[in-house]
Amino acid sequence: MSTNQQRREAAKRKLERQQARRVQQAQRRKRVVAITAAVVVVAVVAATAAFTLISAGGGSSAPSSAAPPSSTAATPPAGPCSFPATPDQPAARPVTAPTDTNPPRQGTVAVTMTTSQGVLPLTLDRAAAPCTVESFLGLAQAGFFNNTPCHRLVDLDTLKALQCGDPTGTGSGGPGYTVPDEPPTNLKPVPGSDGSAIYPAGTIAMAKTDAPNSGGSQFFLVYADSQLPPTYTVFGTIGEPGLKVLQKIAAAGDDGSMASSAGGGKPKLATTIQTVSAGQ
């Protein structure tokens, strides 16, 4: 028969086992929470990388056409254009902001972008993005893009683009002013996504930061269908010969120098914009 002392010791051991189980359960719960949080953070970082890729200071299918479908057209913004200066980020090269705050809002402009890897024929759409087109043409006329490296190639599952437009080649240079957002309104949504849209192969769009109206001189050239939030101004298309040039550059890959931040890196097939001229 157990003595009172033995019963007390047995009860004590049982209590200690229960407490140990509670500690183990609490630790497991903490691990689950930590793992879940890490997964969420990774997902958010991946999504942000795909875009802030596309910072201005940012499953793909093979392209079937050089030009995005007409559904990419945007409603022209109401009111005059605004190009406020950025005193904290002076122009990478001497240039002034557009003076015409009410540019044409209809029609297209043919542009020839000559690069070290080939010629990219572009068609800029004033109806979709009149302010952006006005700024781009002004920068081109001023020679802002001449002899400028395309500093970033991205080959993610959801984003395939070449980013250019920064004379410093660092991804942080701009024109000393910002361009208003003119986001497309009719991009096709990505089925089952949380609001992302399909930017078709052959799209030219403006790079920007997370802040509104933060575009400048940097832009990205989409060489295969990509998925992004519909917040990046689409202002033109790339002709078939230009798309082939981009795909040649992409096929060589990137150096991965930006893999730890927004993804991608400098194109291994170094690409420099030599000239950009309108009407050719």
C-alpha atoms as a PDB file:
ATOM      1  CA  MET A   1       0.000   0.000   0.000  1.00  0.00           C
ATOM      2  CA  SER A   2       1.362   3.466  -0.956  1.00  0.00           C
ATOM      3  CA  THR A   3       2.301   5.781   1.810  1.00  0.00           C
ATOM      4  CA  ASN A   4       1.224   9.428   1.851  1.00  0.00           C
ATOM      5  CA  GLN A   5       4.792  10.416   0.920  1.00  0.00           C
ATOM      6  CA  GLN A   6       4.750   8.137  -2.132  1.00  0.00           C
ATOM      7  CA  ARG A   7       1.380   9.509  -3.232  1.00  0.00           C
ATOM      8  CA  ARG A   8       2.652  13.064  -2.912  1.00  0.00           C
ATOM      9  CA  GLU A   9       5.750  12.271  -4.954  1.00  0.00           C
ATOM     10  CA  ALA A  10       3.653  10.525  -7.635  1.00  0.00           C
ATOM     11  CA  ALA A  11       1.341  13.538  -7.811  1.00  0.00           C
ATOM     12  CA  LYS A  12       4.346  15.833  -8.033  1.00  0.00           C
ATOM     13  CA  ARG A  13       5.835  13.822 -10.921  1.00  0.00           C
ATOM     14  CA  LYS A  14       2.482  13.866 -12.735  1.00  0.00           C
ATOM     15  CA  LEU A  15       2.257  17.641 -12.333  1.00  0.00           C
ATOM     16  CA  GLU A  16       5.804  18.048 -13.638  1.00  0.00           C
ATOM     17  CA  ARG A  17       4.981  15.917 -16.698  1.00  0.00           C
ATOM     18  CA  GLN A  18       1.857  18.021 -17.373  1.00  0.00           C
ATOM     19  CA  GLN A  19       3.856  21.233 -17.075  1.00  0.00           C
ATOM     20  CA  ALA A  20       6.531  19.878 -19.424  1.00  0.00           C
ATOM     21  CA  ARG A  21       3.861  18.967 -21.999  1.00  0.00           C
ATOM     22  CA  ARG A  22       2.380  22.468 -21.753  1.00  0.00           C
ATOM     23  CA  VAL A  23       5.820  24.006 -22.347  1.00  0.00           C
ATOM     24  CA  GLN A  24       6.384  21.755 -25.383  1.00  0.00           C
ATOM     25  CA  GLN A  25       2.954  22.620 -26.793  1.00  0.00           C
ATOM     26  CA  ALA A  26       3.626  26.337 -26.320  1.00  0.00           C
ATOM     27  CA  GLN A  27       6.977  25.992 -28.081  1.00  0.00           C
ATOM     28  CA  ARG A  28       5.346  24.146 -31.005  1.00  0.00           C
ATOM     29  CA  ARG A  29       2.724  26.883 -31.317  1.00  0.00           C
ATOM     30  CA  LYS A  30       5.464  29.519 -31.394  1.00  0.00           C
ATOM     31  CA  ARG A  31       7.309  27.606 -34.112  1.00  0.00           C
ATOM     32  CA  VAL A  32       4.149  27.326 -36.210  1.00  0.00           C
ATOM     33  CA  VAL A  33       3.473  31.046 -35.836  1.00  0.00           C
ATOM     34  CA  ALA A  34       7.089  31.877 -36.705  1.00  0.00           C
ATOM     35  CA  ILE A  35       7.057  29.630 -39.790  1.00  0.00           C
ATOM     36  CA  THR A  36       3.729  31.058 -40.945  1.00  0.00           C
ATOM     37  CA  ALA A  37       4.994  34.592 -40.476  1.00  0.00           C
ATOM     38  CA  ALA A  38       8.157  33.767 -42.420  1.00  0.00           C
ATOM     39  CA  VAL A  39       6.125  32.349 -45.303  1.00  0.00           C
ATOM     40  CA  VAL A  40       3.988  35.485 -45.391  1.00  0.00           C
ATOM     41  CA  VAL A  41       7.065  37.723 -45.318  1.00  0.00           C
ATOM     42  CA  VAL A  42       8.685  35.769 -48.161  1.00  0.00           C
ATOM     43  CA  ALA A  43       5.498  36.030 -50.216  1.00  0.00           C
ATOM     44  CA  VAL A  44       5.241  39.762 -49.596  1.00  0.00           C
ATOM     45  CA  VAL A  45       8.922  40.331 -50.388  1.00  0.00           C
ATOM     46  CA  ALA A  46       8.614  38.302 -53.591  1.00  0.00           C
ATOM     47  CA  ALA A  47       5.582  40.276 -54.686  1.00  0.00           C
ATOM     48  CA  THR A  48       7.251  43.564 -53.792  1.00  0.00           C
ATOM     49  CA  ALA A  49      10.421  42.542 -55.585  1.00  0.00           C
ATOM     50  CA  ALA A  50       8.507  41.977 -58.749  1.00  0.00           C
ATOM     51  CA  PHE A  51       7.498  45.575 -58.681  1.00  0.00           C
ATOM     52  CA  THR A  52       9.636  47.644 -56.802  1.00  0.00           C
ATOM     53  CA  LEU A  53      11.835  45.976 -59.313  1.00  0.00           C
ATOM     54  CA  ILE A  54      10.519  48.439 -61.080  1.00  0.00           C
ATOM     55  CA  SER A  55      11.480  51.048 -58.673  1.00  0.00           C
ATOM     56  CA  ALA A  56      12.288  54.380 -60.234  1.00  0.00           C
ATOM     57  CA  GLY A  57      15.095  55.327 -58.022  1.00  0.00           C
ATOM     58  CA  GLY A  58      11.664  49.289 -60.070  1.00  0.00           C
ATOM     59  CA  GLY A  59       4.295  32.303 -64.679  1.00  0.00           C
ATOM     60  CA  SER A  60       4.906  33.959 -68.009  1.00  0.00           C
ATOM     61  CA  SER A  61       3.892  32.637 -71.334  1.00  0.00           C
ATOM     62  CA  ALA A  62       5.806  33.021 -74.533  1.00  0.00           C
ATOM     63  CA  PRO A  63       4.777  36.130 -76.468  1.00  0.00           C
ATOM     64  CA  SER A  64       2.560  35.638 -79.454  1.00  0.00           C
ATOM     65  CA  SER A  65       2.671  39.213 -80.653  1.00  0.00           C
ATOM     66  CA  ALA A  66       4.960  42.198 -80.336  1.00  0.00           C
ATOM     67  CA  ALA A  67       2.133  44.558 -79.495  1.00  0.00           C
ATOM     68  CA  PRO A  68      -0.191  44.319 -76.494  1.00  0.00           C
ATOM     69  CA  PRO A  69      -3.891  43.995 -77.367  1.00  0.00           C
ATOM     70  CA  SER A  70      -6.057  47.076 -77.519  1.00  0.00           C
ATOM     71  CA  SER A  71      -7.440  46.267 -74.071  1.00  0.00           C
ATOM     72  CA  THR A  72      -4.356  47.929 -72.583  1.00  0.00           C
ATOM     73  CA  ALA A  73      -5.645  51.365 -73.547  1.00  0.00           C
ATOM     74  CA  ALA A  74      -6.202  53.726 -70.641  1.00  0.00           C
ATOM     75  CA  THR A  75      -8.597  56.597 -70.173  1.00  0.00           C
ATOM     76  CA  PRO A  76      -6.623  59.849 -70.551  1.00  0.00           C
ATOM     77  CA  PRO A  77      -6.272  61.611 -67.194  1.00  0.00           C
ATOM     78  CA  ALA A  78      -8.349  64.708 -66.676  1.00  0.00           C
ATOM     79  CA  GLY A  79      -6.722  68.058 -66.053  1.00  0.00           C
ATOM     80  CA  PRO A  80      -3.247  69.369 -66.861  1.00  0.00           C
ATOM     81  CA  CYS A  81      -0.049  67.382 -66.427  1.00  0.00           C
ATOM     82  CA  SER A  82       2.170  68.138 -63.461  1.00  0.00           C
ATOM     83  CA  PHE A  83       5.951  67.622 -63.410  1.00  0.00           C
ATOM     84  CA  PRO A  84       7.128  68.738 -59.956  1.00  0.00           C
ATOM     85  CA  ALA A  85      10.852  69.024 -59.289  1.00  0.00           C
ATOM     86  CA  THR A  86      12.675  66.637 -56.947  1.00  0.00           C
ATOM     87  CA  PRO A  87      15.213  68.800 -55.082  1.00  0.00           C
ATOM     88  CA  ASP A  88      16.469  65.790 -53.124  1.00  0.00           C
ATOM     89  CA  GLN A  89      17.214  63.967 -56.390  1.00  0.00           C
ATOM     90  CA  PRO A  90      18.713  66.319 -58.976  1.00  0.00           C
ATOM     91  CA  ALA A  91      18.743  65.388 -62.638  1.00  0.00           C
ATOM     92  CA  ALA A  92      21.303  62.764 -63.637  1.00  0.00           C
ATOM     93  CA  ARG A  93      21.955  64.900 -66.720  1.00  0.00           C
ATOM     94  CA  PRO A  94      21.067  68.525 -67.483  1.00  0.00           C
ATOM     95  CA  VAL A  95      17.432  68.553 -68.549  1.00  0.00           C
ATOM     96  CA  THR A  96      14.286  70.532 -67.848  1.00  0.00           C
ATOM     97  CA  ALA A  97      10.771  69.335 -67.134  1.00  0.00           C
ATOM     98  CA  PRO A  98       8.163  69.615 -69.909  1.00  0.00           C
ATOM     99  CA  THR A  99       6.626  73.069 -70.162  1.00  0.00           C
ATOM    100  CA  ASP A 100       3.486  71.945 -71.987  1.00  0.00           C
ATOM    101  CA  THR A 101       1.142  70.813 -69.231  1.00  0.00           C
ATOM    102  CA  ASN A 102      -1.675  70.144 -71.691  1.00  0.00           C
ATOM    103  CA  PRO A 103      -0.053  67.961 -74.384  1.00  0.00           C
ATOM    104  CA  PRO A 104      -1.962  66.211 -77.179  1.00  0.00           C
ATOM    105  CA  ARG A 105      -4.220  63.441 -75.892  1.00  0.00           C
ATOM    106  CA  GLN A 106      -4.813  61.578 -79.124  1.00  0.00           C
ATOM    107  CA  GLY A 107      -2.652  59.835 -81.690  1.00  0.00           C
ATOM    108  CA  THR A 108       0.594  57.895 -81.638  1.00  0.00           C
ATOM    109  CA  VAL A 109       4.253  58.767 -82.107  1.00  0.00           C
ATOM    110  CA  ALA A 110       6.752  56.493 -83.856  1.00  0.00           C
ATOM    111  CA  VAL A 111      10.093  56.340 -82.065  1.00  0.00           C
ATOM    112  CA  THR A 112      13.328  54.549 -82.936  1.00  0.00           C
ATOM    113  CA  MET A 113      15.462  53.378 -80.023  1.00  0.00           C
ATOM    114  CA  THR A 114      18.884  52.298 -81.230  1.00  0.00           C
ATOM    115  CA  THR A 115      20.805  50.099 -78.792  1.00  0.00           C
ATOM    116  CA  SER A 116      24.144  48.328 -78.841  1.00  0.00           C
ATOM    117  CA  GLN A 117      22.230  45.063 -79.388  1.00  0.00           C
ATOM    118  CA  GLY A 118      19.868  46.220 -82.130  1.00  0.00           C
ATOM    119  CA  VAL A 119      17.092  48.629 -83.033  1.00  0.00           C
ATOM    120  CA  LEU A 120      13.810  48.784 -81.119  1.00  0.00           C
ATOM    121  CA  PRO A 121      10.944  50.403 -83.059  1.00  0.00           C
ATOM    122  CA  LEU A 122       8.475  51.866 -80.563  1.00  0.00           C
ATOM    123  CA  THR A 123       4.984  53.298 -80.849  1.00  0.00           C
ATOM    124  CA  LEU A 124       4.041  55.723 -78.086  1.00  0.00           C
ATOM    125  CA  ASP A 125       0.348  56.168 -77.300  1.00  0.00           C
ATOM    126  CA  ARG A 126      -0.692  59.715 -76.384  1.00  0.00           C
ATOM    127  CA  ALA A 127      -4.264  58.633 -75.697  1.00  0.00           C
ATOM    128  CA  ALA A 128      -3.160  56.135 -73.059  1.00  0.00           C
ATOM    129  CA  ALA A 129      -0.596  58.329 -71.292  1.00  0.00           C
ATOM    130  CA  PRO A 130      -0.291  61.892 -72.637  1.00  0.00           C
ATOM    131  CA  CYS A 131       1.818  63.217 -69.742  1.00  0.00           C
ATOM    132  CA  THR A 132       4.236  60.298 -69.828  1.00  0.00           C
ATOM    133  CA  VAL A 133       4.641  60.448 -73.609  1.00  0.00           C
ATOM    134  CA  GLU A 134       5.283  64.210 -73.428  1.00  0.00           C
ATOM    135  CA  SER A 135       8.011  63.666 -70.830  1.00  0.00           C
ATOM    136  CA  PHE A 136       9.608  60.744 -72.688  1.00  0.00           C
ATOM    137  CA  LEU A 137       9.754  62.684 -75.962  1.00  0.00           C
ATOM    138  CA  GLY A 138      11.243  65.691 -74.199  1.00  0.00           C
ATOM    139  CA  LEU A 139      13.958  63.590 -72.608  1.00  0.00           C
ATOM    140  CA  ALA A 140      14.684  61.888 -75.929  1.00  0.00           C
ATOM    141  CA  GLN A 141      14.972  65.224 -77.744  1.00  0.00           C
ATOM    142  CA  ALA A 142      17.355  66.507 -75.061  1.00  0.00           C
ATOM    143  CA  GLY A 143      19.594  63.449 -75.521  1.00  0.00           C
ATOM    144  CA  PHE A 144      18.964  62.328 -71.942  1.00  0.00           C
ATOM    145  CA  PHE A 145      18.857  58.655 -72.936  1.00  0.00           C
ATOM    146  CA  ASN A 146      21.868  58.726 -75.270  1.00  0.00           C
ATOM    147  CA  ASN A 147      24.690  56.371 -74.267  1.00  0.00           C
ATOM    148  CA  THR A 148      22.711  55.145 -71.263  1.00  0.00           C
ATOM    149  CA  PRO A 149      23.031  51.551 -70.001  1.00  0.00           C
ATOM    150  CA  CYS A 150      19.999  49.362 -69.454  1.00  0.00           C
ATOM    151  CA  HIS A 151      20.893  48.525 -65.881  1.00  0.00           C
ATOM    152  CA  ARG A 152      18.526  45.715 -64.963  1.00  0.00           C
ATOM    153  CA  LEU A 153      17.221  42.522 -66.517  1.00  0.00           C
ATOM    154  CA  VAL A 154      14.514  40.594 -64.673  1.00  0.00           C
ATOM    155  CA  ASP A 155      13.624  36.987 -65.449  1.00  0.00           C
ATOM    156  CA  LEU A 156      11.223  36.022 -62.651  1.00  0.00           C
ATOM    157  CA  ASP A 157       8.273  33.684 -63.111  1.00  0.00           C
ATOM    158  CA  THR A 158       5.906  36.638 -63.028  1.00  0.00           C
ATOM    159  CA  LEU A 159       8.063  39.412 -64.433  1.00  0.00           C
ATOM    160  CA  LYS A 160      10.238  39.441 -67.541  1.00  0.00           C
ATOM    161  CA  ALA A 161      11.534  42.871 -68.421  1.00  0.00           C
ATOM    162  CA  LEU A 162      14.554  45.015 -69.256  1.00  0.00           C
ATOM    163  CA  GLN A 163      14.765  48.248 -67.276  1.00  0.00           C
ATOM    164  CA  CYS A 164      16.437  51.327 -68.731  1.00  0.00           C
ATOM    165  CA  GLY A 165      16.388  55.122 -68.559  1.00  0.00           C
ATOM    166  CA  ASP A 166      18.937  55.898 -65.819  1.00  0.00           C
ATOM    167  CA  PRO A 167      22.103  57.589 -67.157  1.00  0.00           C
ATOM    168  CA  THR A 168      23.965  56.636 -63.954  1.00  0.00           C
ATOM    169  CA  GLY A 169      23.302  52.944 -64.516  1.00  0.00           C
ATOM    170  CA  THR A 170      22.608  52.480 -60.798  1.00  0.00           C
ATOM    171  CA  GLY A 171      18.824  52.378 -60.804  1.00  0.00           C
ATOM    172  CA  SER A 172      18.599  55.533 -58.706  1.00  0.00           C
ATOM    173  CA  GLY A 173      19.046  58.262 -61.323  1.00  0.00           C
ATOM    174  CA  GLY A 174      16.255  60.376 -62.764  1.00  0.00           C
ATOM    175  CA  PRO A 175      15.426  63.605 -64.612  1.00  0.00           C
ATOM    176  CA  GLY A 176      15.069  65.870 -61.568  1.00  0.00           C
ATOM    177  CA  TYR A 177      11.264  65.822 -61.712  1.00  0.00           C
ATOM    178  CA  THR A 178       8.443  63.312 -61.436  1.00  0.00           C
ATOM    179  CA  VAL A 179       5.770  62.231 -63.882  1.00  0.00           C
ATOM    180  CA  PRO A 180       2.130  61.672 -62.839  1.00  0.00           C
ATOM    181  CA  ASP A 181       0.737  58.162 -62.762  1.00  0.00           C
ATOM    182  CA  GLU A 182      -1.463  57.255 -65.729  1.00  0.00           C
ATOM    183  CA  PRO A 183      -2.294  53.649 -64.853  1.00  0.00           C
ATOM    184  CA  PRO A 184      -3.945  51.442 -67.466  1.00  0.00           C
ATOM    185  CA  THR A 185      -7.578  50.654 -66.762  1.00  0.00           C
ATOM    186  CA  ASN A 186      -8.261  47.720 -69.070  1.00  0.00           C
ATOM    187  CA  LEU A 187      -5.421  45.264 -68.594  1.00  0.00           C
ATOM    188  CA  LYS A 188      -6.611  41.682 -68.368  1.00  0.00           C
ATOM    189  CA  PRO A 189      -6.669  40.474 -64.749  1.00  0.00           C
ATOM    190  CA  VAL A 190      -4.617  37.487 -63.651  1.00  0.00           C
ATOM    191  CA  PRO A 191      -7.127  34.715 -62.843  1.00  0.00           C
ATOM    192  CA  GLY A 192      -7.231  33.944 -59.133  1.00  0.00           C
ATOM    193  CA  SER A 193      -4.840  36.752 -58.206  1.00  0.00           C
ATOM    194  CA  ASP A 194      -5.322  39.510 -55.662  1.00  0.00           C
ATOM    195  CA  GLY A 195      -5.619  42.212 -58.296  1.00  0.00           C
ATOM    196  CA  SER A 196      -2.558  41.698 -60.489  1.00  0.00           C
ATOM    197  CA  ALA A 197      -2.873  42.249 -64.213  1.00  0.00           C
ATOM    198  CA  ILE A 198      -1.176  40.863 -67.302  1.00  0.00           C
ATOM    199  CA  TYR A 199       1.325  43.213 -68.923  1.00  0.00           C
ATOM    200  CA  PRO A 200       1.652  41.637 -72.390  1.00  0.00           C
ATOM    201  CA  ALA A 201       4.907  41.058 -74.198  1.00  0.00           C
ATOM    202  CA  GLY A 202       5.778  44.191 -76.154  1.00  0.00           C
ATOM    203  CA  THR A 203       4.623  46.623 -73.470  1.00  0.00           C
ATOM    204  CA  ILE A 204       6.558  49.773 -72.543  1.00  0.00           C
ATOM    205  CA  ALA A 205       5.729  50.953 -69.031  1.00  0.00           C
ATOM    206  CA  MET A 206       7.068  53.423 -66.501  1.00  0.00           C
ATOM    207  CA  ALA A 207       9.116  52.364 -63.488  1.00  0.00           C
ATOM    208  CA  LYS A 208       8.145  53.844 -60.150  1.00  0.00           C
ATOM    209  CA  THR A 209       8.471  53.399 -56.414  1.00  0.00           C
ATOM    210  CA  ASP A 210       5.650  52.484 -54.035  1.00  0.00           C
ATOM    211  CA  ALA A 211       4.789  56.183 -53.735  1.00  0.00           C
ATOM    212  CA  PRO A 212       2.171  57.617 -56.096  1.00  0.00           C
ATOM    213  CA  ASN A 213       3.321  59.804 -58.989  1.00  0.00           C
ATOM    214  CA  SER A 214       6.947  58.802 -58.486  1.00  0.00           C
ATOM    215  CA  GLY A 215       7.903  57.967 -62.073  1.00  0.00           C
ATOM    216  CA  GLY A 216      10.775  59.819 -63.716  1.00  0.00           C
ATOM    217  CA  SER A 217      12.950  58.729 -66.620  1.00  0.00           C
ATOM    218  CA  GLN A 218      13.189  54.991 -65.956  1.00  0.00           C
ATOM    219  CA  PHE A 219      11.010  52.587 -67.904  1.00  0.00           C
ATOM    220  CA  PHE A 220      10.803  48.868 -68.528  1.00  0.00           C
ATOM    221  CA  LEU A 221      10.432  46.870 -71.714  1.00  0.00           C
ATOM    222  CA  VAL A 222       8.396  43.675 -71.305  1.00  0.00           C
ATOM    223  CA  TYR A 223       9.768  40.806 -73.397  1.00  0.00           C
ATOM    224  CA  ALA A 224       7.269  38.121 -72.252  1.00  0.00           C
ATOM    225  CA  ASP A 225       3.850  38.293 -70.614  1.00  0.00           C
ATOM    226  CA  SER A 226       4.240  39.472 -67.020  1.00  0.00           C
ATOM    227  CA  GLN A 227       2.084  39.920 -63.935  1.00  0.00           C
ATOM    228  CA  LEU A 228       2.085  43.186 -61.980  1.00  0.00           C
ATOM    229  CA  PRO A 229      -0.372  45.377 -60.104  1.00  0.00           C
ATOM    230  CA  PRO A 230      -2.136  47.612 -62.661  1.00  0.00           C
ATOM    231  CA  THR A 231      -0.397  50.702 -61.291  1.00  0.00           C
ATOM    232  CA  TYR A 232       2.418  51.071 -63.819  1.00  0.00           C
ATOM    233  CA  THR A 233       1.756  53.500 -66.650  1.00  0.00           C
ATOM    234  CA  VAL A 234       1.656  51.776 -70.036  1.00  0.00           C
ATOM    235  CA  PHE A 235       2.660  54.335 -72.642  1.00  0.00           C
ATOM    236  CA  GLY A 236       3.543  52.378 -75.760  1.00  0.00           C
ATOM    237  CA  THR A 237       4.414  49.163 -77.534  1.00  0.00           C
ATOM    238  CA  ILE A 238       7.502  47.538 -79.019  1.00  0.00           C
ATOM    239  CA  GLY A 239       7.566  46.368 -82.623  1.00  0.00           C
ATOM    240  CA  GLU A 240       8.303  42.735 -83.475  1.00  0.00           C
ATOM    241  CA  PRO A 241      11.970  43.362 -84.467  1.00  0.00           C
ATOM    242  CA  GLY A 242      12.546  45.103 -81.140  1.00  0.00           C
ATOM    243  CA  LEU A 243      10.917  42.286 -79.209  1.00  0.00           C
ATOM    244  CA  LYS A 244      13.337  39.835 -80.836  1.00  0.00           C
ATOM    245  CA  VAL A 245      16.240  42.034 -79.730  1.00  0.00           C
ATOM    246  CA  LEU A 246      14.933  42.010 -76.156  1.00  0.00           C
ATOM    247  CA  GLN A 247      14.519  38.247 -76.183  1.00  0.00           C
ATOM    248  CA  LYS A 248      18.121  37.875 -77.385  1.00  0.00           C
ATOM    249  CA  ILE A 249      19.291  40.015 -74.457  1.00  0.00           C
ATOM    250  CA  ALA A 250      17.132  38.040 -72.029  1.00  0.00           C
ATOM    251  CA  ALA A 251      18.388  34.700 -73.317  1.00  0.00           C
ATOM    252  CA  ALA A 252      21.919  35.603 -72.195  1.00  0.00           C
ATOM    253  CA  GLY A 253      20.703  36.028 -68.622  1.00  0.00           C
ATOM    254  CA  ASP A 254      21.671  38.458 -65.864  1.00  0.00           C
ATOM    255  CA  ASP A 255      24.479  38.569 -63.301  1.00  0.00           C
ATOM    256  CA  GLY A 256      22.137  38.228 -60.307  1.00  0.00           C
ATOM    257  CA  SER A 257      23.534  41.368 -58.683  1.00  0.00           C
ATOM    258  CA  MET A 258      20.059  42.435 -57.515  1.00  0.00           C
ATOM    259  CA  ALA A 259      18.847  39.016 -56.405  1.00  0.00           C
ATOM    260  CA  SER A 260      19.031  39.979 -52.729  1.00  0.00           C
ATOM    261  CA  SER A 261      16.763  42.987 -53.178  1.00  0.00           C
ATOM    262  CA  ALA A 262      14.251  43.318 -55.965  1.00  0.00           C
ATOM    263  CA  GLY A 263      15.461  40.533 -58.210  1.00  0.00           C
ATOM    264  CA  GLY A 264      17.446  40.257 -61.412  1.00  0.00           C
ATOM    265  CA  GLY A 265      20.689  42.018 -62.216  1.00  0.00           C
ATOM    266  CA  LYS A 266      22.691  43.627 -64.973  1.00  0.00           C
ATOM    267  CA  PRO A 267      22.179  41.886 -68.323  1.00  0.00           C
ATOM    268  CA  LYS A 268      25.130  39.662 -69.184  1.00  0.00           C
ATOM    269  CA  LEU A 269      24.731  40.862 -72.744  1.00  0.00           C
ATOM    270  CA  ALA A 270      25.550  44.481 -71.918  1.00  0.00           C
ATOM    271  CA  THR A 271      22.986  46.784 -73.523  1.00  0.00           C
ATOM    272  CA  THR A 272      23.369  50.530 -74.036  1.00  0.00           C
ATOM    273  CA  ILE A 273      20.795  52.891 -75.493  1.00  0.00           C
ATOM    274  CA  GLN A 274      22.733  54.804 -78.122  1.00  0.00           C
ATOM    275  CA  THR A 275      20.008  57.151 -79.381  1.00  0.00           C
ATOM    276  CA  VAL A 276      16.267  57.685 -79.134  1.00  0.00           C
ATOM    277  CA  SER A 277      14.636  59.657 -81.932  1.00  0.00           C
ATOM    278  CA  ALA A 278      11.029  60.396 -82.841  1.00  0.00           C
ATOM    279  CA  GLY A 279       9.481  60.250 -86.294  1.00  0.00           C
ATOM    280  CA  GLN A 280      11.746  57.535 -87.698  1.00  0.00           C
END
